[in-house]
Every structure is written in C-alpha cells, then in structure tokens.
Amino acid sequence: MNNTILHQKLVNDLLLAFGSMPYVRVWPRVVGVGRAMNNPRQVIRFGLPGESDIDGIIMPNGRKLCIEVKTGNAKLSKNQETYRNVMVRFGALHIVARDVLQALEEFEKKR
C-alpha cells in the first residue's frame, strides 16, 4: 500500500475511533492546492498551511482538538510545527497520531 492510501486509512480509522466517543466531535480537514475546472491555469489553495488533518471539539467546555496524522518516519513540517505551537498556546489539545491506539492513549493523558 502506498503512503497516501495508508495515510487516508489512518485518518478514517481515527475519525471512527474519536467520533465514537460521546464527548468528542471530529471532522477531517483538507489542505492543499488544486486547479480550477474552468481554467486549469488557475491555482486554488485551500485550508491553512500546517493545519491538522483532523479537527474536533471536546465536551464539556468545547476545547479544540487537533490531530496531525503521520505515517512511517514522517515528521512535522515547519508550518505544522507553527500551527501546533499556536493551537497549544491557545489551549488546544494537539496530537501527532501514528496509529489509533497511540493517539487514544495520548488523548487520555493530555485531556
């Protein structure tokens, strides 16, 4: 399986695991670049540079949850480090997830 497929599978597995918790709501985020359908020369950027793959909120106080998904030996980019640092500074719970069990354990420790 290539890395893109593994990454998307892990995103989906995390959405299912965290979305099953009655006190958490999560949704996927998409960041990237594409081309306009009516003008292939026009580049369209979407999302924020470094934004996490999954966003969410945690009850009862609405604390922001950010989950950055990494597979293999991948590391946070500079933009991802900056995004993480800003989110944590403002009170978000940020997790770098390499597998579902590790992410759930880290969530419980930080919550």
PDB file of N, CA and C in Angstrom:
ATOM      1  N   MET A   1       0.841  -1.178   0.000  1.00  0.00           N
ATOM      2  CA  MET A   1       0.000   0.000   0.000  1.00  0.00           C
ATOM      3  C   MET A   1       0.887   1.242   0.000  1.00  0.00           C
ATOM      4  N   ASN A   2       0.551   2.214  -0.844  1.00  0.00           N
ATOM      5  CA  ASN A   2       1.381   3.411  -0.860  1.00  0.00           C
ATOM      6  C   ASN A   2       1.056   4.313   0.328  1.00  0.00           C
ATOM      7  N   ASN A   3       1.923   5.286   0.552  1.00  0.00           N
ATOM      8  CA  ASN A   3       1.818   6.135   1.742  1.00  0.00           C
ATOM      9  C   ASN A   3       0.531   6.953   1.783  1.00  0.00           C
ATOM     10  N   THR A   4       0.050   7.411   0.625  1.00  0.00           N
ATOM     11  CA  THR A   4      -1.184   8.199   0.585  1.00  0.00           C
ATOM     12  C   THR A   4      -2.375   7.363   1.039  1.00  0.00           C
ATOM     13  N   ILE A   5      -2.427   6.116   0.598  1.00  0.00           N
ATOM     14  CA  ILE A   5      -3.520   5.223   0.993  1.00  0.00           C
ATOM     15  C   ILE A   5      -3.431   4.906   2.487  1.00  0.00           C
ATOM     16  N   LEU A   6      -2.211   4.643   2.978  1.00  0.00           N
ATOM     17  CA  LEU A   6      -2.028   4.376   4.410  1.00  0.00           C
ATOM     18  C   LEU A   6      -2.440   5.585   5.247  1.00  0.00           C
ATOM     19  N   HIS A   7      -2.071   6.766   4.787  1.00  0.00           N
ATOM     20  CA  HIS A   7      -2.417   7.997   5.498  1.00  0.00           C
ATOM     21  C   HIS A   7      -3.932   8.155   5.570  1.00  0.00           C
ATOM     22  N   GLN A   8      -4.621   7.982   4.442  1.00  0.00           N
ATOM     23  CA  GLN A   8      -6.075   8.144   4.422  1.00  0.00           C
ATOM     24  C   GLN A   8      -6.772   7.081   5.265  1.00  0.00           C
ATOM     25  N   LYS A   9      -6.248   5.865   5.257  1.00  0.00           N
ATOM     26  CA  LYS A   9      -6.829   4.804   6.094  1.00  0.00           C
ATOM     27  C   LYS A   9      -6.696   5.168   7.569  1.00  0.00           C
ATOM     28  N   LEU A  10      -5.529   5.688   7.972  1.00  0.00           N
ATOM     29  CA  LEU A  10      -5.337   6.074   9.365  1.00  0.00           C
ATOM     30  C   LEU A  10      -6.251   7.247   9.733  1.00  0.00           C
ATOM     31  N   VAL A  11      -6.399   8.221   8.827  1.00  0.00           N
ATOM     32  CA  VAL A  11      -7.340   9.328   9.069  1.00  0.00           C
ATOM     33  C   VAL A  11      -8.740   8.765   9.310  1.00  0.00           C
ATOM     34  N   ASN A  12      -9.184   7.874   8.449  1.00  0.00           N
ATOM     35  CA  ASN A  12     -10.526   7.285   8.579  1.00  0.00           C
ATOM     36  C   ASN A  12     -10.685   6.502   9.886  1.00  0.00           C
ATOM     37  N   ASP A  13      -9.655   5.721  10.243  1.00  0.00           N
ATOM     38  CA  ASP A  13      -9.700   4.940  11.486  1.00  0.00           C
ATOM     39  C   ASP A  13      -9.758   5.857  12.706  1.00  0.00           C
ATOM     40  N   LEU A  14      -9.006   6.953  12.669  1.00  0.00           N
ATOM     41  CA  LEU A  14      -9.019   7.913  13.773  1.00  0.00           C
ATOM     42  C   LEU A  14     -10.365   8.625  13.870  1.00  0.00           C
ATOM     43  N   LEU A  15     -10.932   9.005  12.727  1.00  0.00           N
ATOM     44  CA  LEU A  15     -12.252   9.638  12.734  1.00  0.00           C
ATOM     45  C   LEU A  15     -13.285   8.712  13.367  1.00  0.00           C
ATOM     46  N   LEU A  16     -13.216   7.443  13.048  1.00  0.00           N
ATOM     47  CA  LEU A  16     -14.145   6.465  13.625  1.00  0.00           C
ATOM     48  C   LEU A  16     -13.917   6.304  15.126  1.00  0.00           C
ATOM     49  N   ALA A  17     -12.652   6.161  15.535  1.00  0.00           N
ATOM     50  CA  ALA A  17     -12.342   5.946  16.953  1.00  0.00           C
ATOM     51  C   ALA A  17     -12.721   7.156  17.805  1.00  0.00           C
ATOM     52  N   PHE A  18     -12.313   8.339  17.381  1.00  0.00           N
ATOM     53  CA  PHE A  18     -12.611   9.541  18.171  1.00  0.00           C
ATOM     54  C   PHE A  18     -14.089   9.931  18.032  1.00  0.00           C
ATOM     55  N   GLY A  19     -14.648   9.723  16.857  1.00  0.00           N
ATOM     56  CA  GLY A  19     -16.053  10.051  16.638  1.00  0.00           C
ATOM     57  C   GLY A  19     -17.008   9.156  17.402  1.00  0.00           C
ATOM     58  N   SER A  20     -16.528   8.003  17.862  1.00  0.00           N
ATOM     59  CA  SER A  20     -17.350   7.089  18.654  1.00  0.00           C
ATOM     60  C   SER A  20     -17.476   7.525  20.106  1.00  0.00           C
ATOM     61  N   MET A  21     -16.625   8.459  20.516  1.00  0.00           N
ATOM     62  CA  MET A  21     -16.685   8.951  21.901  1.00  0.00           C
ATOM     63  C   MET A  21     -17.860   9.918  22.031  1.00  0.00           C
ATOM     64  N   PRO A  22     -18.705   9.736  23.045  1.00  0.00           N
ATOM     65  CA  PRO A  22     -19.881  10.599  23.159  1.00  0.00           C
ATOM     66  C   PRO A  22     -19.550  12.057  23.499  1.00  0.00           C
ATOM     67  N   TYR A  23     -18.349  12.325  23.971  1.00  0.00           N
ATOM     68  CA  TYR A  23     -17.968  13.676  24.385  1.00  0.00           C
ATOM     69  C   TYR A  23     -16.982  14.343  23.424  1.00  0.00           C
ATOM     70  N   VAL A  24     -16.826  13.774  22.236  1.00  0.00           N
ATOM     71  CA  VAL A  24     -15.910  14.321  21.228  1.00  0.00           C
ATOM     72  C   VAL A  24     -16.627  14.382  19.886  1.00  0.00           C
ATOM     73  N   ARG A  25     -16.411  15.446  19.147  1.00  0.00           N
ATOM     74  CA  ARG A  25     -16.879  15.555  17.758  1.00  0.00           C
ATOM     75  C   ARG A  25     -15.666  15.866  16.903  1.00  0.00           C
ATOM     76  N   VAL A  26     -15.475  15.127  15.818  1.00  0.00           N
ATOM     77  CA  VAL A  26     -14.318  15.318  14.939  1.00  0.00           C
ATOM     78  C   VAL A  26     -14.746  15.389  13.482  1.00  0.00           C
ATOM     79  N   TRP A  27     -13.922  16.029  12.672  1.00  0.00           N
ATOM     80  CA  TRP A  27     -14.157  16.121  11.233  1.00  0.00           C
ATOM     81  C   TRP A  27     -12.819  16.262  10.530  1.00  0.00           C
ATOM     82  N   PRO A  28     -12.737  15.785   9.286  1.00  0.00           N
ATOM     83  CA  PRO A  28     -11.477  15.887   8.543  1.00  0.00           C
ATOM     84  C   PRO A  28     -11.266  17.291   8.002  1.00  0.00           C
ATOM     85  N   ARG A  29     -10.014  17.662   7.868  1.00  0.00           N
ATOM     86  CA  ARG A  29      -9.636  18.940   7.263  1.00  0.00           C
ATOM     87  C   ARG A  29      -8.832  18.617   6.001  1.00  0.00           C
ATOM     88  N   VAL A  30      -8.960  19.446   5.016  1.00  0.00           N
ATOM     89  CA  VAL A  30      -8.218  19.246   3.782  1.00  0.00           C
ATOM     90  C   VAL A  30      -7.428  20.514   3.488  1.00  0.00           C
ATOM     91  N   VAL A  31      -6.142  20.348   3.293  1.00  0.00           N
ATOM     92  CA  VAL A  31      -5.252  21.452   2.970  1.00  0.00           C
ATOM     93  C   VAL A  31      -4.515  21.074   1.703  1.00  0.00           C
ATOM     94  N   GLY A  32      -4.444  21.990   0.771  1.00  0.00           N
ATOM     95  CA  GLY A  32      -3.714  21.652  -0.444  1.00  0.00           C
ATOM     96  C   GLY A  32      -3.870  22.673  -1.537  1.00  0.00           C
ATOM     97  N   VAL A  33      -3.570  22.203  -2.733  1.00  0.00           N
ATOM     98  CA  VAL A  33      -3.591  23.038  -3.931  1.00  0.00           C
ATOM     99  C   VAL A  33      -4.305  22.260  -5.023  1.00  0.00           C
ATOM    100  N   GLY A  34      -5.100  22.958  -5.790  1.00  0.00           N
ATOM    101  CA  GLY A  34      -5.775  22.339  -6.931  1.00  0.00           C
ATOM    102  C   GLY A  34      -5.863  23.324  -8.074  1.00  0.00           C
ATOM    103  N   ARG A  35      -6.480  22.905  -9.130  1.00  0.00           N
ATOM    104  CA  ARG A  35      -6.658  23.768 -10.299  1.00  0.00           C
ATOM    105  C   ARG A  35      -8.151  23.960 -10.557  1.00  0.00           C
ATOM    106  N   ALA A  36      -8.503  25.139 -11.009  1.00  0.00           N
ATOM    107  CA  ALA A  36      -9.896  25.438 -11.330  1.00  0.00           C
ATOM    108  C   ALA A  36     -10.341  24.579 -12.498  1.00  0.00           C
ATOM    109  N   MET A  37     -11.571  24.067 -12.437  1.00  0.00           N
ATOM    110  CA  MET A  37     -12.073  23.214 -13.514  1.00  0.00           C
ATOM    111  C   MET A  37     -12.277  23.997 -14.811  1.00  0.00           C
ATOM    112  N   ASN A  38     -12.678  25.252 -14.686  1.00  0.00           N
ATOM    113  CA  ASN A  38     -12.941  26.041 -15.892  1.00  0.00           C
ATOM    114  C   ASN A  38     -11.705  26.776 -16.411  1.00  0.00           C
ATOM    115  N   ASN A  39     -10.604  26.733 -15.644  1.00  0.00           N
ATOM    116  CA  ASN A  39      -9.361  27.376 -16.063  1.00  0.00           C
ATOM    117  C   ASN A  39      -8.191  26.626 -15.423  1.00  0.00           C
ATOM    118  N   PRO A  40      -7.668  25.601 -16.084  1.00  0.00           N
ATOM    119  CA  PRO A  40      -6.615  24.771 -15.499  1.00  0.00           C
ATOM    120  C   PRO A  40      -5.344  25.549 -15.121  1.00  0.00           C
ATOM    121  N   ARG A  41      -5.190  26.750 -15.629  1.00  0.00           N
ATOM    122  CA  ARG A  41      -4.017  27.556 -15.254  1.00  0.00           C
ATOM    123  C   ARG A  41      -4.200  28.233 -13.902  1.00  0.00           C
ATOM    124  N   GLN A  42      -5.456  28.326 -13.465  1.00  0.00           N
ATOM    125  CA  GLN A  42      -5.740  28.992 -12.196  1.00  0.00           C
ATOM    126  C   GLN A  42      -5.514  28.021 -11.034  1.00  0.00           C
ATOM    127  N   VAL A  43      -4.610  28.398 -10.145  1.00  0.00           N
ATOM    128  CA  VAL A  43      -4.288  27.585  -8.970  1.00  0.00           C
ATOM    129  C   VAL A  43      -5.167  28.034  -7.803  1.00  0.00           C
ATOM    130  N   ILE A  44      -5.746  27.066  -7.116  1.00  0.00           N
ATOM    131  CA  ILE A  44      -6.600  27.347  -5.962  1.00  0.00           C
ATOM    132  C   ILE A  44      -5.984  26.674  -4.745  1.00  0.00           C
ATOM    133  N   ARG A  45      -5.757  27.456  -3.703  1.00  0.00           N
ATOM    134  CA  ARG A  45      -5.233  26.925  -2.444  1.00  0.00           C
ATOM    135  C   ARG A  45      -6.382  26.875  -1.435  1.00  0.00           C
ATOM    136  N   PHE A  46      -6.393  25.822  -0.618  1.00  0.00           N
ATOM    137  CA  PHE A  46      -7.453  25.694   0.381  1.00  0.00           C
ATOM    138  C   PHE A  46      -6.872  25.196   1.692  1.00  0.00           C
ATOM    139  N   GLY A  47      -7.521  25.627   2.779  1.00  0.00           N
ATOM    140  CA  GLY A  47      -7.027  25.301   4.110  1.00  0.00           C
ATOM    141  C   GLY A  47      -5.913  26.248   4.526  1.00  0.00           C
ATOM    142  N   LEU A  48      -5.449  26.073   5.753  1.00  0.00           N
ATOM    143  CA  LEU A  48      -4.343  26.866   6.292  1.00  0.00           C
ATOM    144  C   LEU A  48      -3.061  26.054   6.228  1.00  0.00           C
ATOM    145  N   PRO A  49      -1.943  26.667   5.838  1.00  0.00           N
ATOM    146  CA  PRO A  49      -0.685  25.929   5.826  1.00  0.00           C
ATOM    147  C   PRO A  49      -0.384  25.351   7.217  1.00  0.00           C
ATOM    148  N   GLY A  50      -0.121  24.067   7.285  1.00  0.00           N
ATOM    149  CA  GLY A  50       0.213  23.417   8.547  1.00  0.00           C
ATOM    150  C   GLY A  50      -0.971  22.929   9.353  1.00  0.00           C
ATOM    151  N   GLU A  51      -2.186  23.222   8.889  1.00  0.00           N
ATOM    152  CA  GLU A  51      -3.395  22.819   9.608  1.00  0.00           C
ATOM    153  C   GLU A  51      -3.422  21.299   9.799  1.00  0.00           C
ATOM    154  N   SER A  52      -3.962  20.856  10.928  1.00  0.00           N
ATOM    155  CA  SER A  52      -4.007  19.424  11.231  1.00  0.00           C
ATOM    156  C   SER A  52      -4.977  18.687  10.307  1.00  0.00           C
ATOM    157  N   ASP A  53      -4.791  17.368  10.205  1.00  0.00           N
ATOM    158  CA  ASP A  53      -5.632  16.537   9.334  1.00  0.00           C
ATOM    159  C   ASP A  53      -7.046  16.375   9.886  1.00  0.00           C
ATOM    160  N   ILE A  54      -7.169  16.392  11.214  1.00  0.00           N
ATOM    161  CA  ILE A  54      -8.463  16.218  11.869  1.00  0.00           C
ATOM    162  C   ILE A  54      -8.628  17.322  12.905  1.00  0.00           C
ATOM    163  N   ASP A  55      -9.778  17.952  12.909  1.00  0.00           N
ATOM    164  CA  ASP A  55     -10.145  18.933  13.931  1.00  0.00           C
ATOM    165  C   ASP A  55     -11.302  18.381  14.735  1.00  0.00           C
ATOM    166  N   GLY A  56     -11.468  18.912  15.928  1.00  0.00           N
ATOM    167  CA  GLY A  56     -12.591  18.482  16.733  1.00  0.00           C
ATOM    168  C   GLY A  56     -12.800  19.374  17.929  1.00  0.00           C
ATOM    169  N   ILE A  57     -13.828  19.041  18.696  1.00  0.00           N
ATOM    170  CA  ILE A  57     -14.114  19.719  19.952  1.00  0.00           C
ATOM    171  C   ILE A  57     -14.412  18.667  21.011  1.00  0.00           C
ATOM    172  N   ILE A  58     -14.063  19.021  22.245  1.00  0.00           N
ATOM    173  CA  ILE A  58     -14.213  18.107  23.369  1.00  0.00           C
ATOM    174  C   ILE A  58     -15.167  18.737  24.376  1.00  0.00           C
ATOM    175  N   MET A  59     -16.174  17.968  24.797  1.00  0.00           N
ATOM    176  CA  MET A  59     -17.097  18.428  25.836  1.00  0.00           C
ATOM    177  C   MET A  59     -16.402  18.335  27.181  1.00  0.00           C
ATOM    178  N   PRO A  60     -16.804  19.055  28.204  1.00  0.00           N
ATOM    179  CA  PRO A  60     -17.980  19.904  28.232  1.00  0.00           C
ATOM    180  C   PRO A  60     -17.693  21.355  27.859  1.00  0.00           C
ATOM    181  N   ASN A  61     -16.429  21.732  27.743  1.00  0.00           N
ATOM    182  CA  ASN A  61     -16.103  23.149  27.570  1.00  0.00           C
ATOM    183  C   ASN A  61     -15.759  23.548  26.144  1.00  0.00           C
ATOM    184  N   GLY A  62     -15.815  22.630  25.203  1.00  0.00           N
ATOM    185  CA  GLY A  62     -15.544  22.968  23.812  1.00  0.00           C
ATOM    186  C   GLY A  62     -14.075  23.147  23.490  1.00  0.00           C
ATOM    187  N   ARG A  63     -13.202  22.452  24.220  1.00  0.00           N
ATOM    188  CA  ARG A  63     -11.765  22.539  23.938  1.00  0.00           C
ATOM    189  C   ARG A  63     -11.493  22.011  22.537  1.00  0.00           C
ATOM    190  N   LYS A  64     -10.651  22.724  21.810  1.00  0.00           N
ATOM    191  CA  LYS A  64     -10.310  22.324  20.447  1.00  0.00           C
ATOM    192  C   LYS A  64      -9.382  21.114  20.475  1.00  0.00           C
ATOM    193  N   LEU A  65      -9.620  20.188  19.565  1.00  0.00           N
ATOM    194  CA  LEU A  65      -8.789  19.004  19.382  1.00  0.00           C
ATOM    195  C   LEU A  65      -8.187  19.058  17.986  1.00  0.00           C
ATOM    196  N   CYS A  66      -6.868  18.894  17.892  1.00  0.00           N
ATOM    197  CA  CYS A  66      -6.168  18.857  16.604  1.00  0.00           C
ATOM    198  C   CYS A  66      -5.407  17.538  16.533  1.00  0.00           C
ATOM    199  N   ILE A  67      -5.612  16.785  15.464  1.00  0.00           N
ATOM    200  CA  ILE A  67      -4.890  15.530  15.276  1.00  0.00           C
ATOM    201  C   ILE A  67      -4.146  15.607  13.947  1.00  0.00           C
ATOM    202  N   GLU A  68      -2.826  15.564  14.017  1.00  0.00           N
ATOM    203  CA  GLU A  68      -1.975  15.535  12.825  1.00  0.00           C
ATOM    204  C   GLU A  68      -1.593  14.081  12.585  1.00  0.00           C
ATOM    205  N   VAL A  69      -1.907  13.554  11.420  1.00  0.00           N
ATOM    206  CA  VAL A  69      -1.669  12.150  11.103  1.00  0.00           C
ATOM    207  C   VAL A  69      -0.339  12.004  10.365  1.00  0.00           C
ATOM    208  N   LYS A  70       0.496  11.098  10.872  1.00  0.00           N
ATOM    209  CA  LYS A  70       1.794  10.830  10.258  1.00  0.00           C
ATOM    210  C   LYS A  70       1.966   9.324  10.095  1.00  0.00           C
ATOM    211  N   THR A  71       2.498   8.914   8.964  1.00  0.00           N
ATOM    212  CA  THR A  71       2.777   7.502   8.729  1.00  0.00           C
ATOM    213  C   THR A  71       4.279   7.335   8.503  1.00  0.00           C
ATOM    214  N   GLY A  72       4.746   6.134   8.755  1.00  0.00           N
ATOM    215  CA  GLY A  72       6.167   5.854   8.556  1.00  0.00           C
ATOM    216  C   GLY A  72       7.033   6.747   9.436  1.00  0.00           C
ATOM    217  N   ASN A  73       8.100   7.286   8.845  1.00  0.00           N
ATOM    218  CA  ASN A  73       9.023   8.143   9.585  1.00  0.00           C
ATOM    219  C   ASN A  73       8.739   9.626   9.369  1.00  0.00           C
ATOM    220  N   ALA A  74       7.585   9.952   8.822  1.00  0.00           N
ATOM    221  CA  ALA A  74       7.259  11.351   8.509  1.00  0.00           C
ATOM    222  C   ALA A  74       7.310  12.211   9.768  1.00  0.00           C
ATOM    223  N   LYS A  75       7.783  13.442   9.593  1.00  0.00           N
ATOM    224  CA  LYS A  75       7.883  14.397  10.694  1.00  0.00           C
ATOM    225  C   LYS A  75       7.043  15.618  10.377  1.00  0.00           C
ATOM    226  N   LEU A  76       6.761  16.406  11.415  1.00  0.00           N
ATOM    227  CA  LEU A  76       6.024  17.646  11.215  1.00  0.00           C
ATOM    228  C   LEU A  76       6.840  18.609  10.354  1.00  0.00           C
ATOM    229  N   SER A  77       6.165  19.245   9.420  1.00  0.00           N
ATOM    230  CA  SER A  77       6.808  20.296   8.629  1.00  0.00           C
ATOM    231  C   SER A  77       6.931  21.546   9.499  1.00  0.00           C
ATOM    232  N   LYS A  78       7.666  22.517   9.034  1.00  0.00           N
ATOM    233  CA  LYS A  78       7.798  23.783   9.759  1.00  0.00           C
ATOM    234  C   LYS A  78       6.423  24.429   9.959  1.00  0.00           C
ATOM    235  N   ASN A  79       5.593  24.447   8.902  1.00  0.00           N
ATOM    236  CA  ASN A  79       4.238  25.006   9.020  1.00  0.00           C
ATOM    237  C   ASN A  79       3.403  24.233  10.040  1.00  0.00           C
ATOM    238  N   GLN A  80       3.544  22.917  10.068  1.00  0.00           N
ATOM    239  CA  GLN A  80       2.793  22.103  11.022  1.00  0.00           C
ATOM    240  C   GLN A  80       3.258  22.355  12.458  1.00  0.00           C
ATOM    241  N   GLU A  81       4.561  22.535  12.652  1.00  0.00           N
ATOM    242  CA  GLU A  81       5.078  22.867  13.985  1.00  0.00           C
ATOM    243  C   GLU A  81       4.522  24.209  14.451  1.00  0.00           C
ATOM    244  N   THR A  82       4.519  25.191  13.552  1.00  0.00           N
ATOM    245  CA  THR A  82       3.996  26.516  13.889  1.00  0.00           C
ATOM    246  C   THR A  82       2.518  26.430  14.245  1.00  0.00           C
ATOM    247  N   TYR A  83       1.738  25.714  13.437  1.00  0.00           N
ATOM    248  CA  TYR A  83       0.304  25.550  13.697  1.00  0.00           C
ATOM    249  C   TYR A  83       0.099  24.892  15.061  1.00  0.00           C
ATOM    250  N   ARG A  84       0.819  23.797  15.321  1.00  0.00           N
ATOM    251  CA  ARG A  84       0.713  23.103  16.611  1.00  0.00           C
ATOM    252  C   ARG A  84       1.016  24.049  17.766  1.00  0.00           C
ATOM    253  N   ASN A  85       2.107  24.795  17.665  1.00  0.00           N
ATOM    254  CA  ASN A  85       2.518  25.687  18.745  1.00  0.00           C
ATOM    255  C   ASN A  85       1.462  26.755  19.029  1.00  0.00           C
ATOM    256  N   VAL A  86       0.872  27.313  17.980  1.00  0.00           N
ATOM    257  CA  VAL A  86      -0.170  28.327  18.164  1.00  0.00           C
ATOM    258  C   VAL A  86      -1.404  27.702  18.814  1.00  0.00           C
ATOM    259  N   MET A  87      -1.831  26.548  18.324  1.00  0.00           N
ATOM    260  CA  MET A  87      -3.024  25.896  18.873  1.00  0.00           C
ATOM    261  C   MET A  87      -2.829  25.540  20.351  1.00  0.00           C
ATOM    262  N   VAL A  88      -1.684  24.972  20.691  1.00  0.00           N
ATOM    263  CA  VAL A  88      -1.414  24.592  22.081  1.00  0.00           C
ATOM    264  C   VAL A  88      -1.339  25.837  22.959  1.00  0.00           C
ATOM    265  N   ARG A  89      -0.727  26.883  22.455  1.00  0.00           N
ATOM    266  CA  ARG A  89      -0.627  28.135  23.223  1.00  0.00           C
ATOM    267  C   ARG A  89      -2.010  28.682  23.576  1.00  0.00           C
ATOM    268  N   PHE A  90      -2.971  28.472  22.686  1.00  0.00           N
ATOM    269  CA  PHE A  90      -4.328  28.967  22.914  1.00  0.00           C
ATOM    270  C   PHE A  90      -5.245  27.914  23.551  1.00  0.00           C
ATOM    271  N   GLY A  91      -4.653  26.815  24.034  1.00  0.00           N
ATOM    272  CA  GLY A  91      -5.415  25.864  24.826  1.00  0.00           C
ATOM    273  C   GLY A  91      -5.891  24.605  24.129  1.00  0.00           C
ATOM    274  N   ALA A  92      -5.557  24.421  22.868  1.00  0.00           N
ATOM    275  CA  ALA A  92      -5.991  23.215  22.154  1.00  0.00           C
ATOM    276  C   ALA A  92      -5.202  21.995  22.615  1.00  0.00           C
ATOM    277  N   LEU A  93      -5.811  20.846  22.452  1.00  0.00           N
ATOM    278  CA  LEU A  93      -5.131  19.580  22.666  1.00  0.00           C
ATOM    279  C   LEU A  93      -4.661  19.111  21.290  1.00  0.00           C
ATOM    280  N   HIS A  94      -3.353  18.969  21.116  1.00  0.00           N
ATOM    281  CA  HIS A  94      -2.781  18.594  19.817  1.00  0.00           C
ATOM    282  C   HIS A  94      -2.100  17.241  19.932  1.00  0.00           C
ATOM    283  N   ILE A  95      -2.402  16.364  18.988  1.00  0.00           N
ATOM    284  CA  ILE A  95      -1.829  15.018  18.969  1.00  0.00           C
ATOM    285  C   ILE A  95      -1.214  14.762  17.598  1.00  0.00           C
ATOM    286  N   VAL A  96      -0.017  14.186  17.598  1.00  0.00           N
ATOM    287  CA  VAL A  96       0.559  13.649  16.369  1.00  0.00           C
ATOM    288  C   VAL A  96       0.280  12.153  16.418  1.00  0.00           C
ATOM    289  N   ALA A  97      -0.556  11.678  15.497  1.00  0.00           N
ATOM    290  CA  ALA A  97      -1.027  10.289  15.530  1.00  0.00           C
ATOM    291  C   ALA A  97      -0.301   9.435  14.501  1.00  0.00           C
ATOM    292  N   ARG A  98       0.302   8.346  14.981  1.00  0.00           N
ATOM    293  CA  ARG A  98       0.940   7.373  14.090  1.00  0.00           C
ATOM    294  C   ARG A  98       0.151   6.074  14.027  1.00  0.00           C
ATOM    295  N   ASP A  99      -0.704   5.863  15.018  1.00  0.00           N
ATOM    296  CA  ASP A  99      -1.665   4.756  14.988  1.00  0.00           C
ATOM    297  C   ASP A  99      -2.789   5.087  15.962  1.00  0.00           C
ATOM    298  N   VAL A 100      -3.875   4.359  15.867  1.00  0.00           N
ATOM    299  CA  VAL A 100      -5.073   4.677  16.637  1.00  0.00           C
ATOM    300  C   VAL A 100      -4.836   4.510  18.133  1.00  0.00           C
ATOM    301  N   LEU A 101      -4.252   3.417  18.543  1.00  0.00           N
ATOM    302  CA  LEU A 101      -4.033   3.157  19.966  1.00  0.00           C
ATOM    303  C   LEU A 101      -3.143   4.229  20.585  1.00  0.00           C
ATOM    304  N   GLN A 102      -2.058   4.573  19.928  1.00  0.00           N
ATOM    305  CA  GLN A 102      -1.148   5.617  20.430  1.00  0.00           C
ATOM    306  C   GLN A 102      -1.880   6.942  20.555  1.00  0.00           C
ATOM    307  N   ALA A 103      -2.715   7.278  19.577  1.00  0.00           N
ATOM    308  CA  ALA A 103      -3.451   8.551  19.605  1.00  0.00           C
ATOM    309  C   ALA A 103      -4.458   8.577  20.752  1.00  0.00           C
ATOM    310  N   LEU A 104      -5.173   7.474  20.961  1.00  0.00           N
ATOM    311  CA  LEU A 104      -6.146   7.408  22.053  1.00  0.00           C
ATOM    312  C   LEU A 104      -5.461   7.505  23.417  1.00  0.00           C
ATOM    313  N   GLU A 105      -4.318   6.847  23.560  1.00  0.00           N
ATOM    314  CA  GLU A 105      -3.575   6.914  24.825  1.00  0.00           C
ATOM    315  C   GLU A 105      -3.088   8.339  25.084  1.00  0.00           C
ATOM    316  N   GLU A 106      -2.552   8.984  24.059  1.00  0.00           N
ATOM    317  CA  GLU A 106      -2.079  10.361  24.209  1.00  0.00           C
ATOM    318  C   GLU A 106      -3.242  11.303  24.533  1.00  0.00           C
ATOM    319  N   PHE A 107      -4.376  11.089  23.902  1.00  0.00           N
ATOM    320  CA  PHE A 107      -5.571  11.883  24.180  1.00  0.00           C
ATOM    321  C   PHE A 107      -5.949  11.787  25.660  1.00  0.00           C
ATOM    322  N   GLU A 108      -5.993  10.574  26.187  1.00  0.00           N
ATOM    323  CA  GLU A 108      -6.378  10.384  27.588  1.00  0.00           C
ATOM    324  C   GLU A 108      -5.372  11.016  28.532  1.00  0.00           C
ATOM    325  N   LYS A 109      -4.086  10.987  28.197  1.00  0.00           N
ATOM    326  CA  LYS A 109      -3.056  11.604  29.052  1.00  0.00           C
ATOM    327  C   LYS A 109      -3.178  13.126  29.065  1.00  0.00           C
ATOM    328  N   LYS A 110      -3.439  13.718  27.905  1.00  0.00           N
ATOM    329  CA  LYS A 110      -3.461  15.174  27.781  1.00  0.00           C
ATOM    330  C   LYS A 110      -4.792  15.788  28.173  1.00  0.00           C
ATOM    331  N   ARG A 111      -5.850  14.999  28.144  1.00  0.00           N
ATOM    332  CA  ARG A 111      -7.198  15.514  28.404  1.00  0.00           C
ATOM    333  C   ARG A 111      -7.291  15.857  29.848  1.00  0.00           C
TER     334      ARG A 111
END
